Amino acid sequence: MAGETVVVATFRSRLDAEIAAGLLQEAGIPYVIPSAEGIGVCPLPPGASLLVTRDRLQEARTVLQTMREPEE
């Protein structure tokens, strides 16, 4: 993925981030979920961030908004 990446959303678990990433993938938006492996020996707090390139940020926010809106 070329370009500066920014956090589009944070989640309580990596699983939640993977579910959201599936929506981005369906929309053709490249994403990254950084791995905490190998960063240090101290346990890290749970959760995961979902990153996209700055030029796709607004589009990604729009796609992820569908996760929060109930279907009618």
Protein backbone atom coordinates (compact mmCIF):
# COMPACT_ATOMS: atom_id res chain seq x y z
CA MET A 1 0.00 0.00 0.00
CA ALA A 2 1.59 3.24 -1.12
CA GLY A 3 1.03 6.51 0.68
CA GLU A 4 0.67 7.71 4.23
CA THR A 5 -1.56 5.51 6.36
CA VAL A 6 -3.95 6.83 9.00
CA VAL A 7 -6.20 5.15 11.54
CA VAL A 8 -9.76 4.96 10.29
CA ALA A 9 -11.09 3.03 13.31
CA THR A 10 -10.09 1.18 16.45
CA PHE A 11 -11.75 -1.96 17.76
CA ARG A 12 -11.93 -3.93 21.00
CA SER A 13 -10.46 -7.02 19.35
CA ARG A 14 -8.55 -8.05 16.27
CA LEU A 15 -11.56 -10.12 15.25
CA ASP A 16 -13.74 -6.99 15.15
CA ALA A 17 -11.07 -5.25 13.07
CA GLU A 18 -10.98 -8.21 10.65
CA ILE A 19 -14.76 -8.05 10.23
CA ALA A 20 -14.54 -4.34 9.39
CA ALA A 21 -11.62 -5.03 7.07
CA GLY A 22 -13.88 -7.38 5.12
CA LEU A 23 -16.17 -4.46 4.32
CA LEU A 24 -13.23 -2.39 3.12
CA GLN A 25 -11.99 -5.29 1.01
CA GLU A 26 -15.42 -5.64 -0.62
CA ALA A 27 -15.30 -1.91 -1.43
CA GLY A 28 -11.82 -2.25 -2.94
CA ILE A 29 -10.15 -0.14 -0.25
CA PRO A 30 -6.68 -1.35 0.76
CA TYR A 31 -6.15 -1.58 4.52
CA VAL A 32 -3.64 -2.67 7.15
CA ILE A 33 -4.17 -4.09 10.62
CA PRO A 34 -0.80 -3.63 12.33
CA SER A 35 0.52 -6.59 14.27
CA ALA A 36 1.81 -6.15 17.82
CA GLU A 37 3.97 -9.26 17.56
CA GLY A 38 7.60 -8.64 18.31
CA ILE A 39 7.12 -5.10 19.65
CA GLY A 40 8.20 -5.92 23.19
CA VAL A 41 7.93 -8.25 26.11
CA CYS A 42 5.21 -6.35 27.98
CA PRO A 43 1.63 -7.36 27.29
CA LEU A 44 -0.22 -4.88 25.14
CA PRO A 45 -3.77 -3.78 25.79
CA PRO A 46 -6.38 -5.64 23.77
CA GLY A 47 -7.69 -4.10 20.62
CA ALA A 48 -6.69 -3.40 17.07
CA SER A 49 -6.51 -0.44 14.72
CA LEU A 50 -7.53 -0.40 11.09
CA LEU A 51 -5.43 1.79 8.81
CA VAL A 52 -6.05 3.08 5.29
CA THR A 53 -4.25 5.56 3.07
CA ARG A 54 -5.11 9.18 3.72
CA ASP A 55 -6.62 9.59 0.24
CA ARG A 56 -9.15 6.78 0.95
CA LEU A 57 -9.97 7.84 4.52
CA GLN A 58 -13.37 9.44 3.90
CA GLU A 59 -14.45 6.60 1.63
CA ALA A 60 -13.43 4.07 4.30
CA ARG A 61 -15.35 5.97 6.99
CA THR A 62 -18.45 5.87 4.83
CA VAL A 63 -18.12 2.12 4.29
CA LEU A 64 -17.52 1.44 7.99
CA GLN A 65 -20.54 3.56 8.93
CA THR A 66 -22.70 0.71 7.61
CA MET A 67 -21.45 -1.45 10.53
CA ARG A 68 -23.06 0.95 12.99
CA GLU A 69 -26.37 1.45 11.20
CA PRO A 70 -29.08 -1.18 11.72
CA GLU A 71 -30.67 -2.63 8.63
CA GLU A 72 -34.31 -1.73 8.07
